[in-house]
Amino acid sequence: MFFGTAGCSPPPSLVNIFKELQTDIGMERPANGDLSKWAAEGVFLLNASLTVRAAEPMSHAKIGWAQFTDAVIRTIAEEKQNVVFLLWGNSPRKKQRLLILQNT
């Protein structure tokens, strides 16, 4: 399922982001998962694991996604300037080491 279309419901993680944006800056909570405006602004959302068994959170956490997402983060940090990284949750916060290494 692609969450960039207006016809889909946002996943729980995106609902949490919308809630925080509403609380912090008063942004109205979207009713769907259409992120095309964010993409046009250069926003890139990346989950720590890109697949999961239905109804089994983190079920694919140890099948190699960490190496892939680490490489994506390293590449962005090395090749792009003025990038803001938001590490949302405990698993993503562990990737902060990748950013510190790139900026030293």
C-alpha atoms as a PDB file:
ATOM      1  CA  MET A   1       0.000   0.000   0.000  1.00  0.00           C
ATOM      2  CA  PHE A   2       1.317   3.435  -0.923  1.00  0.00           C
ATOM      3  CA  PHE A   3       0.503   6.176   1.569  1.00  0.00           C
ATOM      4  CA  GLY A   4       0.944   9.006  -0.892  1.00  0.00           C
ATOM      5  CA  THR A   5      -2.606   8.779  -2.203  1.00  0.00           C
ATOM      6  CA  ALA A   6      -5.615  10.666  -0.951  1.00  0.00           C
ATOM      7  CA  GLY A   7      -7.765   7.537  -0.794  1.00  0.00           C
ATOM      8  CA  CYS A   8      -5.828   5.716   1.904  1.00  0.00           C
ATOM      9  CA  SER A   9      -5.982   5.999   5.658  1.00  0.00           C
ATOM     10  CA  PRO A  10      -2.740   7.014   7.325  1.00  0.00           C
ATOM     11  CA  PRO A  11      -0.927   4.292   9.280  1.00  0.00           C
ATOM     12  CA  PRO A  12      -0.702   4.668  13.082  1.00  0.00           C
ATOM     13  CA  SER A  13       2.854   6.058  12.923  1.00  0.00           C
ATOM     14  CA  LEU A  14       1.750   8.828  10.568  1.00  0.00           C
ATOM     15  CA  VAL A  15      -1.311   9.543  12.708  1.00  0.00           C
ATOM     16  CA  ASN A  16       1.097  10.089  15.616  1.00  0.00           C
ATOM     17  CA  ILE A  17       3.137  12.538  13.532  1.00  0.00           C
ATOM     18  CA  PHE A  18      -0.049  14.402  12.602  1.00  0.00           C
ATOM     19  CA  LYS A  19      -1.062  14.549  16.292  1.00  0.00           C
ATOM     20  CA  GLU A  20       2.308  16.029  17.257  1.00  0.00           C
ATOM     21  CA  LEU A  21       2.124  18.610  14.481  1.00  0.00           C
ATOM     22  CA  GLN A  22      -1.354  19.584  15.610  1.00  0.00           C
ATOM     23  CA  THR A  23      -0.240  19.902  19.242  1.00  0.00           C
ATOM     24  CA  ASP A  24       3.034  21.705  18.489  1.00  0.00           C
ATOM     25  CA  ILE A  25       2.096  24.079  15.688  1.00  0.00           C
ATOM     26  CA  GLY A  26      -1.683  23.849  15.399  1.00  0.00           C
ATOM     27  CA  MET A  27      -1.615  22.125  12.016  1.00  0.00           C
ATOM     28  CA  GLU A  28      -4.989  20.660  11.117  1.00  0.00           C
ATOM     29  CA  ARG A  29      -4.888  16.875  11.126  1.00  0.00           C
ATOM     30  CA  PRO A  30      -5.338  15.449   7.608  1.00  0.00           C
ATOM     31  CA  ALA A  31      -8.048  12.851   7.130  1.00  0.00           C
ATOM     32  CA  ASN A  32      -5.955  10.735   4.782  1.00  0.00           C
ATOM     33  CA  GLY A  33      -2.400   9.670   4.114  1.00  0.00           C
ATOM     34  CA  ASP A  34      -1.732  11.893   1.102  1.00  0.00           C
ATOM     35  CA  LEU A  35       1.863  13.084   1.507  1.00  0.00           C
ATOM     36  CA  SER A  36       2.313  14.504  -1.987  1.00  0.00           C
ATOM     37  CA  LYS A  37       2.668  18.066  -0.645  1.00  0.00           C
ATOM     38  CA  TRP A  38       5.337  16.924   1.779  1.00  0.00           C
ATOM     39  CA  ALA A  39       7.175  15.100  -1.017  1.00  0.00           C
ATOM     40  CA  ALA A  40       7.051  18.227  -3.187  1.00  0.00           C
ATOM     41  CA  GLU A  41       8.762  20.094  -0.337  1.00  0.00           C
ATOM     42  CA  GLY A  42      11.493  17.464  -0.112  1.00  0.00           C
ATOM     43  CA  VAL A  43      10.252  15.564   2.933  1.00  0.00           C
ATOM     44  CA  PHE A  44      11.457  11.972   2.959  1.00  0.00           C
ATOM     45  CA  LEU A  45      10.026   9.537   5.507  1.00  0.00           C
ATOM     46  CA  LEU A  46      11.924   6.314   6.095  1.00  0.00           C
ATOM     47  CA  ASN A  47      10.880   3.498   8.398  1.00  0.00           C
ATOM     48  CA  ALA A  48      13.537   1.409  10.134  1.00  0.00           C
ATOM     49  CA  SER A  49      11.997  -1.703   8.534  1.00  0.00           C
ATOM     50  CA  LEU A  50      10.301  -1.435   5.172  1.00  0.00           C
ATOM     51  CA  THR A  51       8.233  -4.608   5.407  1.00  0.00           C
ATOM     52  CA  VAL A  52       6.323  -6.405   8.146  1.00  0.00           C
ATOM     53  CA  ARG A  53       4.077  -9.433   8.501  1.00  0.00           C
ATOM     54  CA  ALA A  54       0.432  -8.395   8.820  1.00  0.00           C
ATOM     55  CA  ALA A  55      -0.455  -7.502  12.412  1.00  0.00           C
ATOM     56  CA  GLU A  56       3.081  -8.328  13.631  1.00  0.00           C
ATOM     57  CA  PRO A  57       4.971  -5.100  14.324  1.00  0.00           C
ATOM     58  CA  MET A  58       8.757  -5.388  14.008  1.00  0.00           C
ATOM     59  CA  SER A  59       8.450  -8.920  12.535  1.00  0.00           C
ATOM     60  CA  HIS A  60      11.010  -8.084   9.832  1.00  0.00           C
ATOM     61  CA  ALA A  61      13.289  -5.950  11.995  1.00  0.00           C
ATOM     62  CA  LYS A  62      16.149  -8.445  11.820  1.00  0.00           C
ATOM     63  CA  ILE A  63      16.145  -9.454   8.166  1.00  0.00           C
ATOM     64  CA  GLY A  64      18.591  -6.862   6.859  1.00  0.00           C
ATOM     65  CA  TRP A  65      16.620  -3.626   6.681  1.00  0.00           C
ATOM     66  CA  ALA A  66      18.989  -1.937   9.143  1.00  0.00           C
ATOM     67  CA  GLN A  67      21.904  -2.194   6.704  1.00  0.00           C
ATOM     68  CA  PHE A  68      19.797  -0.708   3.925  1.00  0.00           C
ATOM     69  CA  THR A  69      18.330   2.157   5.966  1.00  0.00           C
ATOM     70  CA  ASP A  70      21.760   2.915   7.473  1.00  0.00           C
ATOM     71  CA  ALA A  71      23.169   3.215   3.939  1.00  0.00           C
ATOM     72  CA  VAL A  72      20.326   5.545   2.911  1.00  0.00           C
ATOM     73  CA  ILE A  73      20.897   7.779   5.937  1.00  0.00           C
ATOM     74  CA  ARG A  74      24.684   7.826   5.410  1.00  0.00           C
ATOM     75  CA  THR A  75      24.273   8.705   1.740  1.00  0.00           C
ATOM     76  CA  ILE A  76      21.882  11.565   2.446  1.00  0.00           C
ATOM     77  CA  ALA A  77      24.107  12.898   5.231  1.00  0.00           C
ATOM     78  CA  GLU A  78      27.217  12.718   3.035  1.00  0.00           C
ATOM     79  CA  GLU A  79      25.782  14.087  -0.192  1.00  0.00           C
ATOM     80  CA  LYS A  80      23.173  16.645   0.850  1.00  0.00           C
ATOM     81  CA  GLN A  81      23.498  19.913   2.728  1.00  0.00           C
ATOM     82  CA  ASN A  82      21.016  21.591   5.083  1.00  0.00           C
ATOM     83  CA  VAL A  83      19.166  18.367   5.830  1.00  0.00           C
ATOM     84  CA  VAL A  84      17.101  18.029   8.975  1.00  0.00           C
ATOM     85  CA  PHE A  85      16.801  14.529  10.416  1.00  0.00           C
ATOM     86  CA  LEU A  86      13.989  13.715  12.848  1.00  0.00           C
ATOM     87  CA  LEU A  87      14.529  10.401  14.570  1.00  0.00           C
ATOM     88  CA  TRP A  88      11.089   9.359  15.760  1.00  0.00           C
ATOM     89  CA  GLY A  89      11.068   6.537  18.318  1.00  0.00           C
ATOM     90  CA  ASN A  90      13.624   4.392  20.091  1.00  0.00           C
ATOM     91  CA  SER A  91      14.750   2.358  17.091  1.00  0.00           C
ATOM     92  CA  PRO A  92      15.374   5.398  14.868  1.00  0.00           C
ATOM     93  CA  ARG A  93      17.183   7.245  17.679  1.00  0.00           C
ATOM     94  CA  LYS A  94      19.846   4.541  17.557  1.00  0.00           C
ATOM     95  CA  LYS A  95      20.670   5.752  14.055  1.00  0.00           C
ATOM     96  CA  GLN A  96      21.845   9.084  15.446  1.00  0.00           C
ATOM     97  CA  ARG A  97      25.352   7.622  15.497  1.00  0.00           C
ATOM     98  CA  LEU A  98      25.309   7.679  11.698  1.00  0.00           C
ATOM     99  CA  LEU A  99      24.720  11.417  11.684  1.00  0.00           C
ATOM    100  CA  ILE A 100      27.340  12.179  14.322  1.00  0.00           C
ATOM    101  CA  LEU A 101      29.938  10.242  12.349  1.00  0.00           C
ATOM    102  CA  GLN A 102      29.136  12.212   9.204  1.00  0.00           C
ATOM    103  CA  ASN A 103      29.450  15.600  10.887  1.00  0.00           C
ATOM    104  CA  THR A 104      32.783  15.137  12.666  1.00  0.00           C
END
